[in-house]
Amino acid sequence: MNAIFNNFENVKPELSEEFKHDEFNAGFGLDFEDLSKQCLAIAAQHKSRAVIKAELISFILKNARTKVNPHGFFASRCEHRNIVNKIRERWISKLTATDMKDIIALNSPAMECRAYDGTTDFGHTYPNFSDILSFGINGLINRLEAARKDLDKKHVSDGQSDEFYSCSIMELEALKVFIKRLGDEAKSLKDGHENMALLSQCLNNISENAPQNFYEALQLISIFYFVQTEIECTNVRSIGSLDQLLYPFYENDLKTGNFKKEEITELLKYFMYRFYAANIASNLPFALCGEDLYGNSLTNELSYLILDVYAGLDITSPKIHIKLSKSTPDDIVLKVVDLIKKGCSSFVFINHDAVYKALVKLGEHPQDAADYVLVGCYEPAAAGKEVPCTCSGRINLLKAVEYALNGGTDMITGKQAGAAVKAADRFNDFNEFCDAVKEQIKFFTSRTIELINSYERHYYELNPSALFSSTLKSCVDNGKDAYDGGAAYNNSSICALGLSNAADALYTIKKIVFENKELSLSQLRDILANNWEGQQKLRLRIKALLPKYGNNASEVDDIAVSLAEFTSSNINKRPNGRGGVFRCGFFSIDW
């Protein structure tokens, strides 16, 4: 093995500290105070938000102080201190205080009670890493220029498409400068750090050319992740199916001897550990395995190697999505299960068949549905073609039960936050009460959709993302930003929370009130409003002895199915504010 490798364990303490300290190299950029003043001056210009944001990002990439860790093999850091995000927050605040003032006021009581909410979601994206690696930065620029000429020839270009192309090219050109600046700093550190010469060469190569080897491919993925997430503030929530993205580079390097397998193994250690050291919120995922449209397994030699490397790192981020299908080899499934048993548990098994069928049912082309990526926790989207916005809104199913009991009024705040329904003692049977719950769910979803659409109609003003958009072929072809409806699919998701709790609550009401007649609905409502005071024996009996969802109790499970079907029917395929449709999810996130 090359002498500069086989050193990971020795420098691991220094690698773990990289993102904990913010001392940047004074010789490689402007003092932050000067940088900040000039950024604020750019933001104050009378130009479109898209141009302002592109100029901000370009200025930061060209002028912010950089920092290269001399002990590592990867670089991406500069002193930006979230300037762009702070400016975007001002844009959002201005919108909510003006155009959206009335709709925010109307829904504030329910949002404060956590009955439902609708907001912006710029945090679930996947840049097309396949195209990034295939084209490189200059290739992406050339593709943009060719598309602009093509639109001009067709006489369908306009001021906004020209703005899109100009902003995208501006940011990509600045990204090239940034990468070269990192390369210069790495070169200045090469005395005593042999790895810095290799890093500098790698950075200079990818600033001008598409990646030629495994190391350059890893480097470009890493840089694109951090620049798009931290500087453009369009959060990348997956780095894709790494075994598929990287396999051509892996295969070629082994064939040519450019890198040995041991060296590739070492590079993977540095690559994955760096994301762990960055302490990324909610962890950064990537995927392995899966199958193509024709049922062929996509598991390859690199899938196994990545798992072996990951097993030895003792980290929780990145986390790994395993796309599980009938064609997935048994041995790799057993390998993952064994790792989980041993405590390496940052894995999520994804049912490939279920994901594929769901995306097709929602209107995505079969080829796109088969080539999906899991953004965020585990939300599926067409890779490189979709801006899914998977956490645009939430509705609280358990609150729907509470509001059905209490006439649409919140028991804690006393505010009218739901739909006005019958008083608790006016329901003749359990079905009538379930109808009231569904009326609340319908009310929640309508209000949430209205809120989200109010934001989404302003997405291009709030978060134009030329860098991200430049990687999506559909955006390039039609000259539209990803947040201006430029992606092939522009879907939004609403998460329905508390499905199991709501099912358990409804079964309890069915049993205690309508079948056993131990209490009236109004009596139960009063007990809940008083937080079970004096009724601890009843609370414990309900908690411990009544069947609960998820235990093969068909009466409870059937209620959950009914709730899920009704909720999704009120969300799925309804039009959103970006030219796409809404999708329903059932995961609780941080609520």
Foldseek 3Di string as FASTA:
>chain_A
DPPLFPCCVVCVVVLLCPQVDDDFDPVQADDVVVLLVVLVVLLPDPDFLLVSLLVNLLSQLQGFTFDDRLSFQAGADGPPVLSVVVSLVVVVVVCCVPVVVVLCVVQVVQVVVVQKAFAFFLAWDFFQLLLCQVQFLVRLLVLLVVLVVVCVVVVNDDPLLVSLNVSLNSNSLSNLSSLQSQLVVLVVSCVVRVSSPVSSVLSNDRSPGRDDALSNSLRSLVNLQCSCCRSLVRHYQESEACCVSRVVRVVVCCVVVVDHPSRSLRSLLSSFVSQQSNVDPLAHEYEYWAAALVRAIPHDPVSVSNLVSLLPNPGLHPAYEYEDDPNPDPVVVVSLVVSVVVPNNSYHYHDLVVQLVVVVVLPDDSRQSRQWTQGRPGRTGRRLFEDAAAARMERELQVLLLCLADQCADLPPRHNNFHGDDHQQPDPALVSSVVSSLRRLLRNLVSNQVNNQSVLLCQCSSRFRSNSLSSRVQCSNVSHTVSQLSGNAYEHEYAYEDLQVNLLVSVCCNVCPHPVNVDGSNVVSVCVSVVNVVNVVVVVCSVPPDDTPPPPPCSSVVSSVVVVVSNQVSARQPDHNNRHGYGYHHDDPPD
